[in-house]
PDB file of N, CA and C in Angstrom:
ATOM      1  N   MET A   1       5.421  13.048 -11.290  1.00  0.00           N
ATOM      2  CA  MET A   1       4.087  12.804 -10.774  1.00  0.00           C
ATOM      3  C   MET A   1       4.192  11.888  -9.557  1.00  0.00           C
ATOM      4  N   PHE A   2       3.465  12.240  -8.516  1.00  0.00           N
ATOM      5  CA  PHE A   2       3.432  11.428  -7.313  1.00  0.00           C
ATOM      6  C   PHE A   2       2.207  10.530  -7.336  1.00  0.00           C
ATOM      7  N   LEU A   3       2.353   9.347  -6.800  1.00  0.00           N
ATOM      8  CA  LEU A   3       1.276   8.364  -6.782  1.00  0.00           C
ATOM      9  C   LEU A   3       0.380   8.601  -5.570  1.00  0.00           C
ATOM     10  N   HIS A   4      -0.944   8.608  -5.800  1.00  0.00           N
ATOM     11  CA  HIS A   4      -1.918   8.811  -4.732  1.00  0.00           C
ATOM     12  C   HIS A   4      -3.046   7.801  -4.858  1.00  0.00           C
ATOM     13  N   VAL A   5      -3.578   7.399  -3.724  1.00  0.00           N
ATOM     14  CA  VAL A   5      -4.797   6.593  -3.694  1.00  0.00           C
ATOM     15  C   VAL A   5      -5.966   7.571  -3.780  1.00  0.00           C
ATOM     16  N   ILE A   6      -6.857   7.360  -4.750  1.00  0.00           N
ATOM     17  CA  ILE A   6      -8.012   8.258  -4.857  1.00  0.00           C
ATOM     18  C   ILE A   6      -9.298   7.625  -4.345  1.00  0.00           C
ATOM     19  N   SER A   7      -9.365   6.292  -4.345  1.00  0.00           N
ATOM     20  CA  SER A   7     -10.522   5.618  -3.747  1.00  0.00           C
ATOM     21  C   SER A   7     -10.129   4.203  -3.368  1.00  0.00           C
ATOM     22  N   ALA A   8     -10.826   3.676  -2.373  1.00  0.00           N
ATOM     23  CA  ALA A   8     -10.562   2.313  -1.916  1.00  0.00           C
ATOM     24  C   ALA A   8     -11.833   1.751  -1.307  1.00  0.00           C
ATOM     25  N   GLU A   9     -12.030   0.460  -1.532  1.00  0.00           N
ATOM     26  CA  GLU A   9     -13.223  -0.222  -1.027  1.00  0.00           C
ATOM     27  C   GLU A   9     -12.817  -1.579  -0.471  1.00  0.00           C
ATOM     28  N   TYR A  10     -13.319  -1.883   0.719  1.00  0.00           N
ATOM     29  CA  TYR A  10     -13.039  -3.177   1.334  1.00  0.00           C
ATOM     30  C   TYR A  10     -13.741  -4.273   0.546  1.00  0.00           C
ATOM     31  N   LEU A  11     -13.029  -5.366   0.275  1.00  0.00           N
ATOM     32  CA  LEU A  11     -13.613  -6.505  -0.431  1.00  0.00           C
ATOM     33  C   LEU A  11     -13.865  -7.668   0.519  1.00  0.00           C
ATOM     34  N   GLU A  12     -12.788  -8.286   0.996  1.00  0.00           N
ATOM     35  CA  GLU A  12     -12.879  -9.422   1.918  1.00  0.00           C
ATOM     36  C   GLU A  12     -11.505  -9.671   2.511  1.00  0.00           C
ATOM     37  N   ASP A  13     -11.489 -10.404   3.603  1.00  0.00           N
ATOM     38  CA  ASP A  13     -10.230 -10.715   4.285  1.00  0.00           C
ATOM     39  C   ASP A  13      -9.415  -9.429   4.422  1.00  0.00           C
ATOM     40  N   TYR A  14      -8.228  -9.384   3.820  1.00  0.00           N
ATOM     41  CA  TYR A  14      -7.387  -8.185   3.886  1.00  0.00           C
ATOM     42  C   TYR A  14      -7.193  -7.598   2.488  1.00  0.00           C
ATOM     43  N   LYS A  15      -8.198  -7.752   1.664  1.00  0.00           N
ATOM     44  CA  LYS A  15      -8.137  -7.277   0.279  1.00  0.00           C
ATOM     45  C   LYS A  15      -8.993  -6.032   0.101  1.00  0.00           C
ATOM     46  N   ILE A  16      -8.428  -5.096  -0.662  1.00  0.00           N
ATOM     47  CA  ILE A  16      -9.162  -3.881  -0.986  1.00  0.00           C
ATOM     48  C   ILE A  16      -9.085  -3.630  -2.490  1.00  0.00           C
ATOM     49  N   ALA A  17     -10.153  -3.077  -3.032  1.00  0.00           N
ATOM     50  CA  ALA A  17     -10.148  -2.587  -4.413  1.00  0.00           C
ATOM     51  C   ALA A  17      -9.689  -1.141  -4.319  1.00  0.00           C
ATOM     52  N   VAL A  18      -8.707  -0.785  -5.111  1.00  0.00           N
ATOM     53  CA  VAL A  18      -8.109   0.540  -4.985  1.00  0.00           C
ATOM     54  C   VAL A  18      -7.929   1.188  -6.348  1.00  0.00           C
ATOM     55  N   SER A  19      -8.126   2.509  -6.390  1.00  0.00           N
ATOM     56  CA  SER A  19      -7.917   3.304  -7.604  1.00  0.00           C
ATOM     57  C   SER A  19      -6.843   4.341  -7.316  1.00  0.00           C
ATOM     58  N   PHE A  20      -5.977   4.552  -8.302  1.00  0.00           N
ATOM     59  CA  PHE A  20      -4.866   5.484  -8.157  1.00  0.00           C
ATOM     60  C   PHE A  20      -5.026   6.666  -9.110  1.00  0.00           C
ATOM     61  N   ASN A  21      -4.297   7.731  -8.823  1.00  0.00           N
ATOM     62  CA  ASN A  21      -4.402   8.940  -9.631  1.00  0.00           C
ATOM     63  C   ASN A  21      -3.815   8.790 -11.032  1.00  0.00           C
ATOM     64  N   ASN A  22      -3.153   7.685 -11.321  1.00  0.00           N
ATOM     65  CA  ASN A  22      -2.643   7.450 -12.678  1.00  0.00           C
ATOM     66  C   ASN A  22      -3.656   6.683 -13.530  1.00  0.00           C
ATOM     67  N   GLY A  23      -4.856   6.454 -12.977  1.00  0.00           N
ATOM     68  CA  GLY A  23      -5.920   5.783 -13.716  1.00  0.00           C
ATOM     69  C   GLY A  23      -5.990   4.281 -13.530  1.00  0.00           C
ATOM     70  N   ARG A  24      -5.006   3.690 -12.879  1.00  0.00           N
ATOM     71  CA  ARG A  24      -5.007   2.232 -12.685  1.00  0.00           C
ATOM     72  C   ARG A  24      -5.870   1.848 -11.495  1.00  0.00           C
ATOM     73  N   LYS A  25      -6.519   0.701 -11.634  1.00  0.00           N
ATOM     74  CA  LYS A  25      -7.342   0.133 -10.573  1.00  0.00           C
ATOM     75  C   LYS A  25      -6.924  -1.313 -10.375  1.00  0.00           C
ATOM     76  N   GLY A  26      -6.922  -1.760  -9.141  1.00  0.00           N
ATOM     77  CA  GLY A  26      -6.545  -3.137  -8.871  1.00  0.00           C
ATOM     78  C   GLY A  26      -7.010  -3.578  -7.500  1.00  0.00           C
ATOM     79  N   VAL A  27      -6.661  -4.801  -7.170  1.00  0.00           N
ATOM     80  CA  VAL A  27      -6.982  -5.373  -5.863  1.00  0.00           C
ATOM     81  C   VAL A  27      -5.663  -5.633  -5.143  1.00  0.00           C
ATOM     82  N   ALA A  28      -5.551  -5.089  -3.944  1.00  0.00           N
ATOM     83  CA  ALA A  28      -4.344  -5.265  -3.140  1.00  0.00           C
ATOM     84  C   ALA A  28      -4.661  -6.143  -1.937  1.00  0.00           C
ATOM     85  N   ASP A  29      -3.875  -7.195  -1.760  1.00  0.00           N
ATOM     86  CA  ASP A  29      -3.967  -8.034  -0.564  1.00  0.00           C
ATOM     87  C   ASP A  29      -2.940  -7.487   0.421  1.00  0.00           C
ATOM     88  N   LEU A  30      -3.406  -6.889   1.492  1.00  0.00           N
ATOM     89  CA  LEU A  30      -2.520  -6.221   2.441  1.00  0.00           C
ATOM     90  C   LEU A  30      -2.206  -7.065   3.669  1.00  0.00           C
ATOM     91  N   SER A  31      -2.496  -8.352   3.607  1.00  0.00           N
ATOM     92  CA  SER A  31      -2.258  -9.229   4.757  1.00  0.00           C
ATOM     93  C   SER A  31      -0.789  -9.235   5.170  1.00  0.00           C
ATOM     94  N   GLY A  32       0.121  -9.100   4.227  1.00  0.00           N
ATOM     95  CA  GLY A  32       1.547  -9.101   4.534  1.00  0.00           C
ATOM     96  C   GLY A  32       2.027  -7.858   5.255  1.00  0.00           C
ATOM     97  N   ALA A  33       1.226  -6.814   5.278  1.00  0.00           N
ATOM     98  CA  ALA A  33       1.620  -5.560   5.920  1.00  0.00           C
ATOM     99  C   ALA A  33       1.235  -5.502   7.391  1.00  0.00           C
ATOM    100  N   LEU A  34       0.506  -6.476   7.870  1.00  0.00           N
ATOM    101  CA  LEU A  34      -0.038  -6.413   9.225  1.00  0.00           C
ATOM    102  C   LEU A  34       0.946  -6.939  10.259  1.00  0.00           C
ATOM    103  N   LYS A  35       2.099  -6.302  10.306  1.00  0.00           N
ATOM    104  CA  LYS A  35       3.158  -6.669  11.247  1.00  0.00           C
ATOM    105  C   LYS A  35       3.521  -5.440  12.064  1.00  0.00           C
ATOM    106  N   GLY A  36       3.857  -5.650  13.287  1.00  0.00           N
ATOM    107  CA  GLY A  36       4.235  -4.542  14.149  1.00  0.00           C
ATOM    108  C   GLY A  36       3.069  -4.058  14.989  1.00  0.00           C
ATOM    109  N   LEU A  37       3.396  -3.296  16.009  1.00  0.00           N
ATOM    110  CA  LEU A  37       2.422  -2.856  16.994  1.00  0.00           C
ATOM    111  C   LEU A  37       1.267  -2.060  16.406  1.00  0.00           C
ATOM    112  N   VAL A  38       1.556  -1.116  15.527  1.00  0.00           N
ATOM    113  CA  VAL A  38       0.498  -0.256  14.992  1.00  0.00           C
ATOM    114  C   VAL A  38      -0.487  -1.028  14.117  1.00  0.00           C
ATOM    115  N   PHE A  39      -0.011  -2.117  13.492  1.00  0.00           N
ATOM    116  CA  PHE A  39      -0.874  -2.892  12.605  1.00  0.00           C
ATOM    117  C   PHE A  39      -1.557  -4.073  13.298  1.00  0.00           C
ATOM    118  N   GLU A  40      -1.152  -4.394  14.516  1.00  0.00           N
ATOM    119  CA  GLU A  40      -1.726  -5.534  15.241  1.00  0.00           C
ATOM    120  C   GLU A  40      -3.256  -5.463  15.337  1.00  0.00           C
ATOM    121  N   PRO A  41      -3.840  -4.307  15.684  1.00  0.00           N
ATOM    122  CA  PRO A  41      -5.308  -4.242  15.769  1.00  0.00           C
ATOM    123  C   PRO A  41      -6.006  -4.517  14.435  1.00  0.00           C
ATOM    124  N   LEU A  42      -5.311  -4.306  13.333  1.00  0.00           N
ATOM    125  CA  LEU A  42      -5.912  -4.480  12.011  1.00  0.00           C
ATOM    126  C   LEU A  42      -6.077  -5.946  11.627  1.00  0.00           C
ATOM    127  N   LYS A  43      -5.516  -6.842  12.411  1.00  0.00           N
ATOM    128  CA  LYS A  43      -5.719  -8.269  12.149  1.00  0.00           C
ATOM    129  C   LYS A  43      -7.174  -8.667  12.380  1.00  0.00           C
ATOM    130  N   ASP A  44      -7.882  -7.855  13.166  1.00  0.00           N
ATOM    131  CA  ASP A  44      -9.331  -8.018  13.325  1.00  0.00           C
ATOM    132  C   ASP A  44      -9.956  -7.428  12.059  1.00  0.00           C
ATOM    133  N   LYS A  45     -10.600  -8.254  11.270  1.00  0.00           N
ATOM    134  CA  LYS A  45     -11.108  -7.807   9.962  1.00  0.00           C
ATOM    135  C   LYS A  45     -12.131  -6.684  10.070  1.00  0.00           C
ATOM    136  N   SER A  46     -12.862  -6.626  11.170  1.00  0.00           N
ATOM    137  CA  SER A  46     -13.813  -5.516  11.324  1.00  0.00           C
ATOM    138  C   SER A  46     -13.071  -4.196  11.517  1.00  0.00           C
ATOM    139  N   VAL A  47     -11.910  -4.236  12.150  1.00  0.00           N
ATOM    140  CA  VAL A  47     -11.075  -3.041  12.294  1.00  0.00           C
ATOM    141  C   VAL A  47     -10.382  -2.744  10.967  1.00  0.00           C
ATOM    142  N   PHE A  48      -9.832  -3.771  10.332  1.00  0.00           N
ATOM    143  CA  PHE A  48      -9.162  -3.585   9.040  1.00  0.00           C
ATOM    144  C   PHE A  48     -10.090  -2.904   8.037  1.00  0.00           C
ATOM    145  N   SER A  49     -11.335  -3.325   8.004  1.00  0.00           N
ATOM    146  CA  SER A  49     -12.280  -2.808   7.010  1.00  0.00           C
ATOM    147  C   SER A  49     -12.734  -1.379   7.293  1.00  0.00           C
ATOM    148  N   SER A  50     -12.298  -0.792   8.406  1.00  0.00           N
ATOM    149  CA  SER A  50     -12.735   0.557   8.773  1.00  0.00           C
ATOM    150  C   SER A  50     -11.827   1.659   8.232  1.00  0.00           C
ATOM    151  N   PHE A  51     -10.972   1.354   7.269  1.00  0.00           N
ATOM    152  CA  PHE A  51     -10.069   2.362   6.702  1.00  0.00           C
ATOM    153  C   PHE A  51     -10.851   3.410   5.909  1.00  0.00           C
ATOM    154  N   VAL A  52     -10.207   4.548   5.713  1.00  0.00           N
ATOM    155  CA  VAL A  52     -10.729   5.602   4.841  1.00  0.00           C
ATOM    156  C   VAL A  52      -9.570   6.105   3.989  1.00  0.00           C
ATOM    157  N   VAL A  53      -9.883   6.795   2.904  1.00  0.00           N
ATOM    158  CA  VAL A  53      -8.848   7.465   2.116  1.00  0.00           C
ATOM    159  C   VAL A  53      -8.698   8.866   2.696  1.00  0.00           C
ATOM    160  N   ASP A  54      -7.526   9.159   3.212  1.00  0.00           N
ATOM    161  CA  ASP A  54      -7.236  10.466   3.787  1.00  0.00           C
ATOM    162  C   ASP A  54      -6.859  11.421   2.661  1.00  0.00           C
ATOM    163  N   GLU A  55      -7.593  12.509   2.526  1.00  0.00           N
ATOM    164  CA  GLU A  55      -7.360  13.440   1.421  1.00  0.00           C
ATOM    165  C   GLU A  55      -6.033  14.171   1.547  1.00  0.00           C
ATOM    166  N   GLU A  56      -5.556  14.389   2.765  1.00  0.00           N
ATOM    167  CA  GLU A  56      -4.279  15.071   2.954  1.00  0.00           C
ATOM    168  C   GLU A  56      -3.106  14.132   2.679  1.00  0.00           C
ATOM    169  N   LEU A  57      -3.157  12.939   3.239  1.00  0.00           N
ATOM    170  CA  LEU A  57      -2.074  11.971   3.037  1.00  0.00           C
ATOM    171  C   LEU A  57      -2.170  11.269   1.689  1.00  0.00           C
ATOM    172  N   GLU A  58      -3.365  11.268   1.106  1.00  0.00           N
ATOM    173  CA  GLU A  58      -3.624  10.654  -0.200  1.00  0.00           C
ATOM    174  C   GLU A  58      -3.304   9.161  -0.220  1.00  0.00           C
ATOM    175  N   THR A  59      -3.696   8.507   0.866  1.00  0.00           N
ATOM    176  CA  THR A  59      -3.557   7.066   1.001  1.00  0.00           C
ATOM    177  C   THR A  59      -4.609   6.584   1.990  1.00  0.00           C
ATOM    178  N   ILE A  60      -4.630   5.273   2.231  1.00  0.00           N
ATOM    179  CA  ILE A  60      -5.603   4.762   3.192  1.00  0.00           C
ATOM    180  C   ILE A  60      -5.043   4.868   4.607  1.00  0.00           C
ATOM    181  N   VAL A  61      -5.940   5.166   5.543  1.00  0.00           N
ATOM    182  CA  VAL A  61      -5.573   5.263   6.958  1.00  0.00           C
ATOM    183  C   VAL A  61      -6.656   4.577   7.782  1.00  0.00           C
ATOM    184  N   TRP A  62      -6.270   4.151   8.959  1.00  0.00           N
ATOM    185  CA  TRP A  62      -7.187   3.498   9.885  1.00  0.00           C
ATOM    186  C   TRP A  62      -7.389   4.395  11.095  1.00  0.00           C
ATOM    187  N   PRO A  63      -8.470   4.161  11.847  1.00  0.00           N
ATOM    188  CA  PRO A  63      -8.766   5.001  13.015  1.00  0.00           C
ATOM    189  C   PRO A  63      -7.636   5.066  14.051  1.00  0.00           C
ATOM    190  N   ASN A  64      -6.803   4.036  14.137  1.00  0.00           N
ATOM    191  CA  ASN A  64      -5.705   4.052  15.113  1.00  0.00           C
ATOM    192  C   ASN A  64      -4.486   4.828  14.618  1.00  0.00           C
ATOM    193  N   GLY A  65      -4.563   5.429  13.427  1.00  0.00           N
ATOM    194  CA  GLY A  65      -3.455   6.222  12.890  1.00  0.00           C
ATOM    195  C   GLY A  65      -2.549   5.463  11.940  1.00  0.00           C
ATOM    196  N   ALA A  66      -2.737   4.168  11.800  1.00  0.00           N
ATOM    197  CA  ALA A  66      -1.916   3.382  10.871  1.00  0.00           C
ATOM    198  C   ALA A  66      -2.231   3.794   9.437  1.00  0.00           C
ATOM    199  N   ASP A  67      -1.209   3.798   8.607  1.00  0.00           N
ATOM    200  CA  ASP A  67      -1.400   4.047   7.183  1.00  0.00           C
ATOM    201  C   ASP A  67      -0.342   3.295   6.398  1.00  0.00           C
ATOM    202  N   LEU A  68      -0.535   3.223   5.106  1.00  0.00           N
ATOM    203  CA  LEU A  68       0.424   2.559   4.219  1.00  0.00           C
ATOM    204  C   LEU A  68       0.770   3.497   3.072  1.00  0.00           C
ATOM    205  N   ALA A  69       2.010   3.434   2.639  1.00  0.00           N
ATOM    206  CA  ALA A  69       2.444   4.243   1.501  1.00  0.00           C
ATOM    207  C   ALA A  69       1.656   3.848   0.256  1.00  0.00           C
ATOM    208  N   PRO A  70       1.237   4.829  -0.547  1.00  0.00           N
ATOM    209  CA  PRO A  70       0.526   4.503  -1.786  1.00  0.00           C
ATOM    210  C   PRO A  70       1.334   3.564  -2.682  1.00  0.00           C
ATOM    211  N   GLU A  71       2.654   3.722  -2.677  1.00  0.00           N
ATOM    212  CA  GLU A  71       3.503   2.864  -3.504  1.00  0.00           C
ATOM    213  C   GLU A  71       3.433   1.408  -3.068  1.00  0.00           C
ATOM    214  N   TYR A  72       3.361   1.190  -1.764  1.00  0.00           N
ATOM    215  CA  TYR A  72       3.259  -0.182  -1.266  1.00  0.00           C
ATOM    216  C   TYR A  72       1.934  -0.806  -1.686  1.00  0.00           C
ATOM    217  N   ILE A  73       0.861  -0.041  -1.577  1.00  0.00           N
ATOM    218  CA  ILE A  73      -0.457  -0.536  -1.985  1.00  0.00           C
ATOM    219  C   ILE A  73      -0.452  -0.829  -3.483  1.00  0.00           C
ATOM    220  N   TYR A  74       0.166   0.060  -4.261  1.00  0.00           N
ATOM    221  CA  TYR A  74       0.282  -0.127  -5.713  1.00  0.00           C
ATOM    222  C   TYR A  74       1.062  -1.402  -6.021  1.00  0.00           C
ATOM    223  N   PHE A  75       2.170  -1.583  -5.305  1.00  0.00           N
ATOM    224  CA  PHE A  75       2.976  -2.789  -5.475  1.00  0.00           C
ATOM    225  C   PHE A  75       2.144  -4.039  -5.196  1.00  0.00           C
ATOM    226  N   GLN A  76       1.391  -4.019  -4.113  1.00  0.00           N
ATOM    227  CA  GLN A  76       0.571  -5.188  -3.782  1.00  0.00           C
ATOM    228  C   GLN A  76      -0.512  -5.436  -4.827  1.00  0.00           C
ATOM    229  N   ALA A  77      -1.027  -4.382  -5.421  1.00  0.00           N
ATOM    230  CA  ALA A  77      -2.076  -4.539  -6.435  1.00  0.00           C
ATOM    231  C   ALA A  77      -1.525  -5.027  -7.772  1.00  0.00           C
ATOM    232  N   PHE A  78      -0.290  -4.661  -8.094  1.00  0.00           N
ATOM    233  CA  PHE A  78       0.243  -4.938  -9.433  1.00  0.00           C
ATOM    234  C   PHE A  78       1.586  -5.663  -9.421  1.00  0.00           C
ATOM    235  N   LYS A  79       1.914  -6.352  -8.336  1.00  0.00           N
ATOM    236  CA  LYS A  79       3.231  -6.978  -8.212  1.00  0.00           C
ATOM    237  C   LYS A  79       3.511  -8.044  -9.259  1.00  0.00           C
ATOM    238  N   ASP A  80       2.487  -8.569  -9.893  1.00  0.00           N
ATOM    239  CA  ASP A  80       2.697  -9.587 -10.925  1.00  0.00           C
ATOM    240  C   ASP A  80       2.794  -9.006 -12.332  1.00  0.00           C
ATOM    241  N   ASP A  81       2.697  -7.696 -12.467  1.00  0.00           N
ATOM    242  CA  ASP A  81       2.771  -7.044 -13.776  1.00  0.00           C
ATOM    243  C   ASP A  81       4.239  -6.918 -14.190  1.00  0.00           C
ATOM    244  N   PRO A  82       4.664  -7.649 -15.222  1.00  0.00           N
ATOM    245  CA  PRO A  82       6.073  -7.615 -15.612  1.00  0.00           C
ATOM    246  C   PRO A  82       6.542  -6.232 -16.056  1.00  0.00           C
ATOM    247  N   GLU A  83       5.650  -5.418 -16.557  1.00  0.00           N
ATOM    248  CA  GLU A  83       6.031  -4.080 -17.019  1.00  0.00           C
ATOM    249  C   GLU A  83       6.364  -3.138 -15.862  1.00  0.00           C
ATOM    250  N   LEU A  84       5.969  -3.478 -14.658  1.00  0.00           N
ATOM    251  CA  LEU A  84       6.199  -2.604 -13.507  1.00  0.00           C
ATOM    252  C   LEU A  84       7.364  -3.048 -12.624  1.00  0.00           C
ATOM    253  N   GLN A  85       7.995  -4.173 -12.945  1.00  0.00           N
ATOM    254  CA  GLN A  85       9.066  -4.698 -12.098  1.00  0.00           C
ATOM    255  C   GLN A  85      10.224  -3.721 -11.947  1.00  0.00           C
ATOM    256  N   SER A  86      10.561  -3.016 -12.999  1.00  0.00           N
ATOM    257  CA  SER A  86      11.645  -2.036 -12.931  1.00  0.00           C
ATOM    258  C   SER A  86      11.297  -0.920 -11.940  1.00  0.00           C
ATOM    259  N   GLN A  87      10.060  -0.449 -11.970  1.00  0.00           N
ATOM    260  CA  GLN A  87       9.637   0.588 -11.024  1.00  0.00           C
ATOM    261  C   GLN A  87       9.653   0.058  -9.599  1.00  0.00           C
ATOM    262  N   PHE A  88       9.204  -1.165  -9.397  1.00  0.00           N
ATOM    263  CA  PHE A  88       9.200  -1.742  -8.060  1.00  0.00           C
ATOM    264  C   PHE A  88      10.627  -1.898  -7.530  1.00  0.00           C
ATOM    265  N   ARG A  89      11.581  -2.180  -8.403  1.00  0.00           N
ATOM    266  CA  ARG A  89      12.986  -2.237  -7.998  1.00  0.00           C
ATOM    267  C   ARG A  89      13.459  -0.849  -7.566  1.00  0.00           C
ATOM    268  N   LYS A  90      13.092   0.180  -8.322  1.00  0.00           N
ATOM    269  CA  LYS A  90      13.482   1.553  -7.965  1.00  0.00           C
ATOM    270  C   LYS A  90      12.933   1.940  -6.601  1.00  0.00           C
ATOM    271  N   TRP A  91      11.717   1.509  -6.313  1.00  0.00           N
ATOM    272  CA  TRP A  91      11.095   1.823  -5.033  1.00  0.00           C
ATOM    273  C   TRP A  91      11.671   0.986  -3.901  1.00  0.00           C
ATOM    274  N   GLY A  92      12.414  -0.069  -4.206  1.00  0.00           N
ATOM    275  CA  GLY A  92      13.023  -0.902  -3.178  1.00  0.00           C
ATOM    276  C   GLY A  92      12.186  -2.080  -2.721  1.00  0.00           C
ATOM    277  N   TYR A  93      11.099  -2.371  -3.421  1.00  0.00           N
ATOM    278  CA  TYR A  93      10.267  -3.509  -3.037  1.00  0.00           C
ATOM    279  C   TYR A  93      10.821  -4.826  -3.556  1.00  0.00           C
ATOM    280  N   VAL A  94      11.586  -4.804  -4.601  1.00  0.00           N
ATOM    281  CA  VAL A  94      12.276  -5.990  -5.110  1.00  0.00           C
ATOM    282  C   VAL A  94      13.648  -5.545  -5.597  1.00  0.00           C
ATOM    283  N   ASP A  95      14.580  -6.480  -5.657  1.00  0.00           N
ATOM    284  CA  ASP A  95      15.848  -6.153  -6.295  1.00  0.00           C
ATOM    285  C   ASP A  95      16.142  -7.212  -7.342  1.00  0.00           C
ATOM    286  N   ASN A  96      17.257  -7.101  -7.984  1.00  0.00           N
ATOM    287  CA  ASN A  96      17.574  -7.992  -9.100  1.00  0.00           C
ATOM    288  C   ASN A  96      17.644  -9.457  -8.699  1.00  0.00           C
ATOM    289  N   HIS A  97      17.838  -9.738  -7.430  1.00  0.00           N
ATOM    290  CA  HIS A  97      17.995 -11.120  -6.987  1.00  0.00           C
ATOM    291  C   HIS A  97      16.778 -11.651  -6.244  1.00  0.00           C
ATOM    292  N   GLU A  98      15.776 -10.799  -6.035  1.00  0.00           N
ATOM    293  CA  GLU A  98      14.588 -11.224  -5.306  1.00  0.00           C
ATOM    294  C   GLU A  98      13.430 -11.420  -6.262  1.00  0.00           C
ATOM    295  N   SER A  99      12.514 -12.256  -5.878  1.00  0.00           N
ATOM    296  CA  SER A  99      11.279 -12.381  -6.646  1.00  0.00           C
ATOM    297  C   SER A  99      10.389 -11.199  -6.312  1.00  0.00           C
ATOM    298  N   HIS A 100       9.331 -11.016  -7.083  1.00  0.00           N
ATOM    299  CA  HIS A 100       8.439  -9.887  -6.866  1.00  0.00           C
ATOM    300  C   HIS A 100       7.669  -9.966  -5.557  1.00  0.00           C
ATOM    301  N   THR A 101       7.704 -11.078  -4.862  1.00  0.00           N
ATOM    302  CA  THR A 101       6.962 -11.189  -3.605  1.00  0.00           C
ATOM    303  C   THR A 101       7.821 -10.892  -2.390  1.00  0.00           C
ATOM    304  N   ASP A 102       9.134 -10.722  -2.556  1.00  0.00           N
ATOM    305  CA  ASP A 102      10.000 -10.396  -1.433  1.00  0.00           C
ATOM    306  C   ASP A 102       9.939  -8.893  -1.192  1.00  0.00           C
ATOM    307  N   ILE A 103       9.474  -8.512  -0.025  1.00  0.00           N
ATOM    308  CA  ILE A 103       9.235  -7.114   0.284  1.00  0.00           C
ATOM    309  C   ILE A 103      10.204  -6.660   1.363  1.00  0.00           C
ATOM    310  N   LYS A 104      10.721  -5.466   1.212  1.00  0.00           N
ATOM    311  CA  LYS A 104      11.555  -4.884   2.243  1.00  0.00           C
ATOM    312  C   LYS A 104      10.643  -4.197   3.249  1.00  0.00           C
ATOM    313  N   ALA A 105      10.618  -4.710   4.457  1.00  0.00           N
ATOM    314  CA  ALA A 105       9.668  -4.233   5.470  1.00  0.00           C
ATOM    315  C   ALA A 105       9.832  -2.755   5.768  1.00  0.00           C
ATOM    316  N   SER A 106      11.046  -2.236   5.668  1.00  0.00           N
ATOM    317  CA  SER A 106      11.248  -0.824   5.973  1.00  0.00           C
ATOM    318  C   SER A 106      10.506   0.089   5.011  1.00  0.00           C
ATOM    319  N   GLU A 107      10.134  -0.412   3.855  1.00  0.00           N
ATOM    320  CA  GLU A 107       9.418   0.393   2.873  1.00  0.00           C
ATOM    321  C   GLU A 107       7.911   0.358   3.073  1.00  0.00           C
ATOM    322  N   VAL A 108       7.424  -0.514   3.935  1.00  0.00           N
ATOM    323  CA  VAL A 108       5.982  -0.676   4.095  1.00  0.00           C
ATOM    324  C   VAL A 108       5.374   0.479   4.875  1.00  0.00           C
ATOM    325  N   LEU A 109       6.011   0.873   5.957  1.00  0.00           N
ATOM    326  CA  LEU A 109       5.443   1.883   6.833  1.00  0.00           C
ATOM    327  C   LEU A 109       5.714   3.286   6.329  1.00  0.00           C
ATOM    328  N   LYS A 110       4.746   4.151   6.525  1.00  0.00           N
ATOM    329  CA  LYS A 110       4.921   5.572   6.274  1.00  0.00           C
ATOM    330  C   LYS A 110       4.969   6.276   7.611  1.00  0.00           C
ATOM    331  N   ASN A 111       5.539   7.436   7.620  1.00  0.00           N
ATOM    332  CA  ASN A 111       5.494   8.256   8.814  1.00  0.00           C
ATOM    333  C   ASN A 111       4.108   8.871   8.897  1.00  0.00           C
ATOM    334  N   SER A 112       3.346   8.534   9.912  1.00  0.00           N
ATOM    335  CA  SER A 112       1.960   8.987  10.042  1.00  0.00           C
ATOM    336  C   SER A 112       1.854  10.489  10.251  1.00  0.00           C
ATOM    337  N   ASN A 113       2.928  11.114  10.693  1.00  0.00           N
ATOM    338  CA  ASN A 113       2.848  12.530  11.036  1.00  0.00           C
ATOM    339  C   ASN A 113       3.154  13.471   9.885  1.00  0.00           C
ATOM    340  N   LYS A 114       3.614  12.965   8.780  1.00  0.00           N
ATOM    341  CA  LYS A 114       3.892  13.858   7.661  1.00  0.00           C
ATOM    342  C   LYS A 114       3.646  13.148   6.353  1.00  0.00           C
ATOM    343  N   LYS A 115       3.385  13.918   5.339  1.00  0.00           N
ATOM    344  CA  LYS A 115       3.089  13.385   4.013  1.00  0.00           C
ATOM    345  C   LYS A 115       4.407  13.051   3.323  1.00  0.00           C
ATOM    346  N   THR A 116       4.592  11.766   2.996  1.00  0.00           N
ATOM    347  CA  THR A 116       5.787  11.359   2.276  1.00  0.00           C
ATOM    348  C   THR A 116       5.413  10.327   1.242  1.00  0.00           C
ATOM    349  N   THR A 117       5.856  10.550   0.019  1.00  0.00           N
ATOM    350  CA  THR A 117       5.673   9.549  -1.024  1.00  0.00           C
ATOM    351  C   THR A 117       6.899   9.565  -1.911  1.00  0.00           C
ATOM    352  N   ALA A 118       7.170   8.462  -2.527  1.00  0.00           N
ATOM    353  CA  ALA A 118       8.266   8.386  -3.483  1.00  0.00           C
ATOM    354  C   ALA A 118       7.762   8.862  -4.837  1.00  0.00           C
ATOM    355  N   GLU A 119       8.666   9.363  -5.634  1.00  0.00           N
ATOM    356  CA  GLU A 119       8.263   9.830  -6.957  1.00  0.00           C
ATOM    357  C   GLU A 119       7.792   8.658  -7.801  1.00  0.00           C
ATOM    358  N   PHE A 120       6.712   8.863  -8.512  1.00  0.00           N
ATOM    359  CA  PHE A 120       6.127   7.826  -9.359  1.00  0.00           C
ATOM    360  C   PHE A 120       6.475   8.119 -10.795  1.00  0.00           C
ATOM    361  N   PHE A 121       7.226   7.220 -11.405  1.00  0.00           N
ATOM    362  CA  PHE A 121       7.713   7.327 -12.777  1.00  0.00           C
ATOM    363  C   PHE A 121       8.266   8.666 -13.012  1.00  0.00           C
TER     364      PHE A 121
END
């Protein structure tokens, strides 16, 4: 089963309430993802809050073409859940020597031109 974002709602700052196709709902703070040229405009909260859920990519996207992998959003929403640490290690967001807040930046960005997701469980 692949992980998909099915709905998302802007809350405040860089936080969104998000629902996934596995039935889980949570709040993801995406402030740590706003690095690099494509994400620079999103530091303006009025721009950040203009995301939509793209039905083809099955994740959130912004008008400038920026998007985030559903797995990264899931990680941000549930990074403190001890039952999910093994999955987060498989996805490369943490390893055996890192805490759950150490993120590998290469895993944050998705290729905007094609649908790519890692296998979920």
